[in-house]
Amino acid sequence: MKLRGKGQGARVKSRRKIYYFFLVFGLWSTVYGLSGCGVTYPKEKFKESIIRVCKREYKLDVKVATSGNTVAIYVPLENLIDFTFSITKSASEKINDVILTVSRVTLSTDAKYEFYCVIAHDVRIPEIQIVIIKSVDDVKRFLLNDISRGEYAKRMIVDIRLSPQAQKERAIKEVFDKMSLDKKWQEDVMNDFFRSEPTGLGDIGYWNGHFYIKNITMGEFLAEQIASRIKNEFRDDKSLQEAFLVKSSKCAYVSKEPRRSFKLDLAVENRFYGRPQDGNAPKVIMDTAVKVASEVLHNYRFKDYEYVDIKTTKDRGGVKLSRLQIEAYKAKKKGKIEDFIDLGY
């Protein structure tokens, strides 16, 4: 369950939530100066280094865990959100401190990590969590001016939601309590069957003393970006925002051989019906989806897929584009999508 408002007020709140996270951009030069060269934080003391720096320099008590190429940092905070479900300024500053710390340590270690995620909980309402996922390579490229500040901002995944694990455990415990089962037996069953590595990025979190993290792959990281950027595109473009309402935007990377692919499912509705330009709506929606997907895959130089399968609501159909078609569209070898594929409008 994601926390969302409605109408213009919700959009203002959303921008306010994200704004404080972007305060970190003004501090990246500090990270760059501190990262230096060589190994400042050896891999044997990687977790300890993050914990120590957070405590020594920011008075923050954090926990650190790793899974494959991914580092997770958990930070409990007071007053994480206000009554409008916006992130408070004090909480955003502390989260930025944690981001700075893990960036600094990650850039100056011989440990090989590709992603890190910061998980924050409000100690008053621990069911609500904020998860921020970043690519270590994106941090390096930003510091080297290889990507712009605006592009870097788009590459950060920020998710505010109820903890999936908390929801799962509470539902199961309600069943256990109704059956009057022994508490120890309940914990054994929880550990054996209901506390496991997440299957997707949306399940990442921390609950009841346990990290729920996974070895993040570039494919699923990009899939999450595509879904998020499409929502942002419809929100930030005034003409799109006025005409359409994005009910959902979901993208998954299918890594099974032999045909790897991205599957994008969109539910986008017209805000007003019956206008003359409504007949052009399916094309606008599909054009926007293809544009965003092609930009993400091109900018990351990602080629480990055969096609992108985009489906919209039932009355608008879908389209399947090969990697070569996606690359041709991005390179503008063809002016319009319909110039080289039948979109089925």
Protein backbone atom coordinates (compact mmCIF):
# COMPACT_ATOMS: atom_id res chain seq x y z
CA MET A 1 0.00 0.00 0.00
CA LYS A 2 1.50 3.28 -1.07
CA LEU A 3 0.57 6.47 0.69
CA ARG A 4 -1.09 8.80 -1.81
CA GLY A 5 -3.31 11.82 -1.62
CA LYS A 6 -5.75 13.10 -4.20
CA GLY A 7 -5.81 16.12 -6.44
CA GLN A 8 -3.55 19.12 -6.42
CA GLY A 9 -2.91 18.94 -2.68
CA ALA A 10 -1.48 15.45 -3.06
CA ARG A 11 0.82 16.59 -5.86
CA VAL A 12 2.16 19.42 -3.69
CA LYS A 13 2.74 16.97 -0.86
CA SER A 14 4.53 14.58 -3.19
CA ARG A 15 6.87 17.30 -4.38
CA ARG A 16 7.54 18.33 -0.80
CA LYS A 17 8.43 14.76 0.14
CA ILE A 18 10.95 14.49 -2.65
CA TYR A 19 12.32 18.01 -2.22
CA TYR A 20 14.05 17.31 1.05
CA PHE A 21 15.74 14.25 -0.37
CA PHE A 22 17.27 16.40 -3.06
CA LEU A 23 18.96 18.59 -0.46
CA VAL A 24 21.70 16.00 -0.67
CA PHE A 25 22.76 17.27 -4.08
CA GLY A 26 24.32 20.36 -2.60
CA LEU A 27 26.55 18.17 -0.44
CA TRP A 28 27.99 15.80 -3.02
CA SER A 29 31.13 17.88 -3.37
CA THR A 30 31.83 17.09 0.27
CA VAL A 31 31.57 13.37 -0.44
CA TYR A 32 33.85 13.75 -3.43
CA GLY A 33 36.50 15.53 -1.37
CA LEU A 34 36.30 12.97 1.40
CA SER A 35 36.30 9.89 -0.81
CA GLY A 36 39.79 10.56 -2.12
CA CYS A 37 41.83 7.72 -3.53
CA GLY A 38 42.81 4.36 -2.20
CA VAL A 39 41.11 2.19 0.41
CA THR A 40 40.03 4.17 3.44
CA TYR A 41 37.46 1.63 4.61
CA PRO A 42 38.63 -1.97 4.01
CA LYS A 43 35.95 -4.52 3.20
CA GLU A 44 36.62 -6.39 6.45
CA LYS A 45 35.34 -3.35 8.34
CA PHE A 46 32.82 -2.06 5.82
CA LYS A 47 29.65 -2.43 7.92
CA GLU A 48 31.44 -1.30 11.06
CA SER A 49 32.70 1.81 9.26
CA ILE A 50 29.20 2.93 8.26
CA ILE A 51 27.90 2.38 11.78
CA ARG A 52 30.87 4.21 13.32
CA VAL A 53 30.73 7.25 11.02
CA CYS A 54 26.97 7.66 11.48
CA LYS A 55 27.38 7.52 15.24
CA ARG A 56 30.50 9.66 15.52
CA GLU A 57 29.60 12.43 13.08
CA TYR A 58 25.80 12.50 13.12
CA LYS A 59 24.81 10.86 16.43
CA LEU A 60 22.72 8.33 14.52
CA ASP A 61 22.34 4.68 15.50
CA VAL A 62 22.04 2.58 12.37
CA LYS A 63 22.14 -1.09 11.45
CA VAL A 64 23.81 -2.44 8.32
CA ALA A 65 23.32 -5.66 6.36
CA THR A 66 24.45 -6.89 2.96
CA SER A 67 23.10 -9.30 0.36
CA GLY A 68 25.33 -10.03 -2.61
CA ASN A 69 26.05 -6.73 -4.32
CA THR A 70 23.64 -4.73 -2.16
CA VAL A 71 24.11 -2.80 1.10
CA ALA A 72 21.15 -1.90 3.33
CA ILE A 73 21.19 0.69 6.11
CA TYR A 74 18.35 0.90 8.61
CA VAL A 75 17.78 4.11 10.57
CA PRO A 76 14.93 4.57 13.08
CA LEU A 77 13.82 8.19 13.39
CA GLU A 78 11.44 10.24 15.47
CA ASN A 79 9.00 12.47 13.66
CA LEU A 80 9.73 10.96 10.26
CA ILE A 81 6.43 12.18 8.80
CA ASP A 82 3.94 14.87 9.71
CA PHE A 83 0.15 14.80 9.73
CA THR A 84 0.04 15.27 5.95
CA PHE A 85 2.28 12.20 5.48
CA SER A 86 5.09 14.44 4.23
CA ILE A 87 8.67 13.86 5.35
CA THR A 88 9.68 16.37 7.98
CA LYS A 89 12.68 18.61 7.45
CA SER A 90 14.57 17.21 10.44
CA ALA A 91 14.04 13.63 9.27
CA SER A 92 15.13 14.43 5.72
CA GLU A 93 18.35 15.97 7.00
CA LYS A 94 19.14 12.84 9.01
CA ILE A 95 18.38 10.60 6.06
CA ASN A 96 20.72 12.75 3.97
CA ASP A 97 23.41 12.25 6.61
CA VAL A 98 23.03 8.48 6.25
CA ILE A 99 23.14 8.73 2.45
CA LEU A 100 26.30 10.82 2.65
CA THR A 101 27.90 8.30 4.98
CA VAL A 102 27.18 5.21 2.91
CA SER A 103 28.24 7.04 -0.27
CA ARG A 104 31.47 8.13 1.34
CA VAL A 105 32.30 4.65 2.65
CA THR A 106 31.23 2.85 -0.52
CA LEU A 107 33.40 5.09 -2.70
CA SER A 108 36.46 4.46 -0.54
CA THR A 109 36.40 0.72 0.03
CA ASP A 110 37.70 -2.37 -1.73
CA ALA A 111 34.35 -4.08 -1.11
CA LYS A 112 32.43 -4.52 -4.36
CA TYR A 113 28.89 -3.26 -3.99
CA GLU A 114 26.67 -2.05 -6.81
CA PHE A 115 23.58 -0.81 -4.97
CA TYR A 116 22.65 0.52 -1.59
CA CYS A 117 19.33 1.18 0.06
CA VAL A 118 18.49 3.30 3.07
CA ILE A 119 15.46 2.19 5.08
CA ALA A 120 13.90 4.65 7.54
CA HIS A 121 11.08 4.02 9.99
CA ASP A 122 9.13 6.37 12.22
CA VAL A 123 9.51 4.92 15.72
CA ARG A 124 5.97 6.10 16.53
CA ILE A 125 4.50 4.33 13.48
CA PRO A 126 7.02 1.62 12.53
CA GLU A 127 4.68 0.16 9.93
CA ILE A 128 5.45 3.13 7.68
CA GLN A 129 8.81 2.96 5.93
CA ILE A 130 10.80 4.98 3.45
CA VAL A 131 13.16 3.09 1.16
CA ILE A 132 15.72 4.89 -1.02
CA ILE A 133 17.69 2.84 -3.55
CA LYS A 134 20.74 4.14 -5.40
CA SER A 135 23.29 2.74 -7.81
CA VAL A 136 26.91 3.17 -6.69
CA ASP A 137 27.93 3.69 -10.31
CA ASP A 138 25.40 6.53 -10.64
CA VAL A 139 27.03 8.26 -7.68
CA LYS A 140 30.45 7.95 -9.29
CA ARG A 141 29.20 9.19 -12.65
CA PHE A 142 27.51 12.19 -11.04
CA LEU A 143 30.66 13.15 -9.18
CA LEU A 144 32.64 12.91 -12.43
CA ASN A 145 30.04 15.10 -14.21
CA ASP A 146 29.20 12.21 -16.51
CA ILE A 147 25.50 12.65 -15.77
CA SER A 148 23.63 15.84 -14.95
CA ARG A 149 22.04 16.71 -11.64
CA GLY A 150 18.59 16.38 -13.17
CA GLU A 151 19.35 12.95 -14.61
CA TYR A 152 20.88 11.84 -11.34
CA ALA A 153 17.74 12.90 -9.48
CA LYS A 154 15.65 10.67 -11.74
CA ARG A 155 17.88 7.68 -11.01
CA MET A 156 17.08 7.63 -7.31
CA ILE A 157 14.22 5.30 -6.36
CA VAL A 158 12.23 6.66 -3.42
CA ASP A 159 9.36 4.60 -2.05
CA ILE A 160 7.08 5.55 0.86
CA ARG A 161 4.73 2.79 1.87
CA LEU A 162 3.45 0.52 4.60
CA SER A 163 5.99 -2.20 5.32
CA PRO A 164 5.01 -5.29 3.29
CA GLN A 165 6.51 -7.58 5.92
CA ALA A 166 4.61 -5.85 8.72
CA GLN A 167 1.33 -6.28 6.85
CA LYS A 168 2.09 -9.94 6.17
CA GLU A 169 3.05 -10.80 9.75
CA ARG A 170 0.12 -9.01 11.32
CA ALA A 171 -2.37 -10.78 9.09
CA ILE A 172 -0.83 -14.17 9.87
CA LYS A 173 -0.63 -13.48 13.61
CA GLU A 174 -4.30 -12.62 13.68
CA VAL A 175 -5.00 -16.10 12.34
CA PHE A 176 -2.61 -17.65 14.88
CA ASP A 177 -4.26 -15.78 17.76
CA LYS A 178 -7.72 -16.93 16.72
CA MET A 179 -6.40 -20.50 16.79
CA SER A 180 -4.82 -19.94 20.23
CA LEU A 181 -1.52 -21.40 19.07
CA ASP A 182 1.61 -21.50 21.22
CA LYS A 183 3.75 -18.33 20.85
CA LYS A 184 6.99 -20.23 20.32
CA TRP A 185 5.40 -22.37 17.63
CA GLN A 186 4.12 -19.20 15.97
CA GLU A 187 7.66 -17.76 15.81
CA ASP A 188 9.04 -21.00 14.40
CA VAL A 189 6.43 -21.00 11.64
CA MET A 190 7.11 -17.32 10.91
CA ASN A 191 10.83 -17.93 10.59
CA ASP A 192 10.44 -21.05 8.47
CA PHE A 193 7.76 -19.86 6.05
CA PHE A 194 7.11 -16.13 6.20
CA ARG A 195 10.46 -14.43 6.76
CA SER A 196 12.49 -14.74 3.61
CA GLU A 197 14.40 -12.70 1.06
CA PRO A 198 12.15 -10.34 -0.92
CA THR A 199 11.22 -11.34 -4.44
CA GLY A 200 11.08 -7.73 -5.68
CA LEU A 201 12.28 -4.25 -4.83
CA GLY A 202 8.86 -3.34 -3.46
CA ASP A 203 9.30 -5.89 -0.65
CA ILE A 204 12.60 -4.48 0.62
CA GLY A 205 12.43 -3.20 4.18
CA TYR A 206 13.12 -3.76 7.88
CA TRP A 207 10.69 -5.13 10.43
CA ASN A 208 10.83 -6.45 13.96
CA GLY A 209 14.63 -6.73 14.06
CA HIS A 210 15.01 -8.32 10.62
CA PHE A 211 16.32 -6.94 7.32
CA TYR A 212 14.37 -7.90 4.22
CA ILE A 213 16.81 -7.20 1.40
CA LYS A 214 17.98 -8.88 -1.76
CA ASN A 215 20.78 -8.93 -4.27
CA ILE A 216 19.50 -6.19 -6.60
CA THR A 217 19.97 -6.72 -10.32
CA MET A 218 20.37 -3.93 -12.84
CA GLY A 219 17.38 -5.21 -14.80
CA GLU A 220 14.93 -4.89 -11.91
CA PHE A 221 16.47 -1.56 -10.86
CA LEU A 222 15.81 -0.19 -14.36
CA ALA A 223 12.32 -1.68 -14.44
CA GLU A 224 11.45 0.16 -11.23
CA GLN A 225 12.91 3.35 -12.69
CA ILE A 226 10.86 3.05 -15.86
CA ALA A 227 7.63 2.66 -13.89
CA SER A 228 8.49 5.55 -11.59
CA ARG A 229 9.64 7.88 -14.35
CA ILE A 230 6.46 7.34 -16.34
CA LYS A 231 4.39 8.43 -13.33
CA ASN A 232 6.65 11.45 -12.90
CA GLU A 233 6.36 12.32 -16.58
CA PHE A 234 2.57 12.45 -16.37
CA ARG A 235 2.83 14.46 -13.16
CA ASP A 236 5.48 16.98 -14.19
CA ASP A 237 4.36 17.69 -17.77
CA LYS A 238 1.54 20.19 -17.38
CA SER A 239 -0.34 19.13 -20.50
CA LEU A 240 -0.16 15.44 -19.55
CA GLN A 241 -1.06 16.14 -15.94
CA GLU A 242 -4.15 18.08 -16.94
CA ALA A 243 -5.33 15.43 -19.41
CA PHE A 244 -4.52 12.12 -17.70
CA LEU A 245 -4.60 10.35 -14.36
CA VAL A 246 -2.11 7.51 -13.80
CA LYS A 247 -3.86 4.85 -11.75
CA SER A 248 -0.86 2.52 -11.80
CA SER A 249 2.48 2.05 -13.51
CA LYS A 250 4.24 -1.27 -13.01
CA CYS A 251 7.27 -2.67 -14.76
CA ALA A 252 9.06 -5.99 -14.29
CA TYR A 253 12.27 -7.38 -15.72
CA VAL A 254 11.86 -10.99 -16.83
CA SER A 255 15.31 -12.51 -16.56
CA LYS A 256 14.48 -16.10 -17.50
CA GLU A 257 16.29 -17.46 -20.50
CA PRO A 258 16.12 -17.55 -23.42
CA ARG A 259 14.15 -14.32 -23.94
CA ARG A 260 14.78 -11.61 -21.39
CA SER A 261 12.38 -8.70 -21.47
CA PHE A 262 10.73 -5.78 -19.73
CA LYS A 263 6.99 -6.02 -19.15
CA LEU A 264 5.29 -2.68 -18.53
CA ASP A 265 1.65 -2.45 -17.44
CA LEU A 266 -0.05 0.95 -17.40
CA ALA A 267 -3.46 2.05 -16.20
CA VAL A 268 -3.93 5.63 -17.37
CA GLU A 269 -7.31 7.33 -17.55
CA ASN A 270 -8.56 10.51 -19.21
CA ARG A 271 -9.46 13.14 -16.64
CA PHE A 272 -12.26 14.34 -18.91
CA TYR A 273 -14.19 12.39 -21.50
CA GLY A 274 -16.02 13.46 -24.61
CA ARG A 275 -13.54 16.07 -25.82
CA PRO A 276 -12.45 16.05 -29.50
CA GLN A 277 -8.83 15.31 -28.65
CA ASP A 278 -9.72 12.16 -26.65
CA GLY A 279 -9.26 10.05 -29.78
CA ASN A 280 -5.55 10.88 -29.67
CA ALA A 281 -5.17 9.75 -26.03
CA PRO A 282 -3.96 6.17 -26.72
CA LYS A 283 -1.16 7.46 -28.94
CA VAL A 284 -0.07 10.08 -26.38
CA ILE A 285 0.02 7.49 -23.59
CA MET A 286 1.99 4.97 -25.65
CA ASP A 287 4.37 7.60 -26.99
CA THR A 288 5.13 8.73 -23.45
CA ALA A 289 5.75 5.17 -22.24
CA VAL A 290 8.06 4.32 -25.14
CA LYS A 291 9.93 7.60 -24.77
CA VAL A 292 10.63 7.01 -21.07
CA ALA A 293 11.57 3.33 -21.47
CA SER A 294 13.93 4.08 -24.35
CA GLU A 295 15.61 6.91 -22.43
CA VAL A 296 16.26 4.77 -19.37
CA LEU A 297 17.63 1.78 -21.29
CA HIS A 298 19.73 3.96 -23.60
CA ASN A 299 21.19 6.12 -20.83
CA TYR A 300 22.26 3.05 -18.88
CA ARG A 301 23.58 1.37 -22.04
CA PHE A 302 21.61 -1.70 -20.98
CA LYS A 303 21.33 -4.37 -23.66
CA ASP A 304 20.51 -7.56 -21.76
CA TYR A 305 16.96 -7.86 -23.08
CA GLU A 306 15.21 -8.79 -26.31
CA TYR A 307 12.06 -6.71 -26.17
CA VAL A 308 9.89 -4.32 -24.17
CA ASP A 309 6.25 -5.39 -23.85
CA ILE A 310 3.97 -2.43 -23.05
CA LYS A 311 0.32 -2.98 -22.18
CA THR A 312 -2.23 -0.31 -21.32
CA THR A 313 -5.86 -0.58 -20.29
CA LYS A 314 -7.91 -3.10 -22.26
CA ASP A 315 -9.44 -0.57 -24.63
CA ARG A 316 -6.04 0.74 -25.62
CA GLY A 317 -4.13 -2.45 -26.31
CA GLY A 318 -0.37 -2.66 -26.25
CA VAL A 319 2.82 -2.99 -28.22
CA LYS A 320 5.93 -5.14 -28.18
CA LEU A 321 9.15 -3.42 -29.24
CA SER A 322 12.43 -5.22 -29.87
CA ARG A 323 15.69 -3.90 -28.47
CA LEU A 324 16.71 -2.74 -31.96
CA GLN A 325 13.44 -0.83 -32.33
CA ILE A 326 13.91 0.80 -28.93
CA GLU A 327 17.45 1.83 -29.86
CA ALA A 328 16.31 3.11 -33.28
CA TYR A 329 13.59 5.20 -31.65
CA LYS A 330 16.03 6.71 -29.17
CA ALA A 331 18.55 7.44 -31.90
CA LYS A 332 15.73 9.14 -33.87
CA LYS A 333 16.54 7.12 -36.95
CA LYS A 334 12.77 7.12 -37.33
CA GLY A 335 10.74 10.21 -36.51
CA LYS A 336 7.72 8.51 -34.94
CA ILE A 337 7.03 5.17 -33.34
CA GLU A 338 4.35 4.35 -35.87
CA ASP A 339 6.89 4.84 -38.67
CA PHE A 340 8.44 1.49 -37.91
CA ILE A 341 5.86 -0.54 -36.01
CA ASP A 342 2.12 -1.02 -35.93
CA LEU A 343 1.02 0.17 -32.50
CA GLY A 344 -2.44 -1.26 -32.89
CA TYR A 345 -4.27 2.00 -32.20
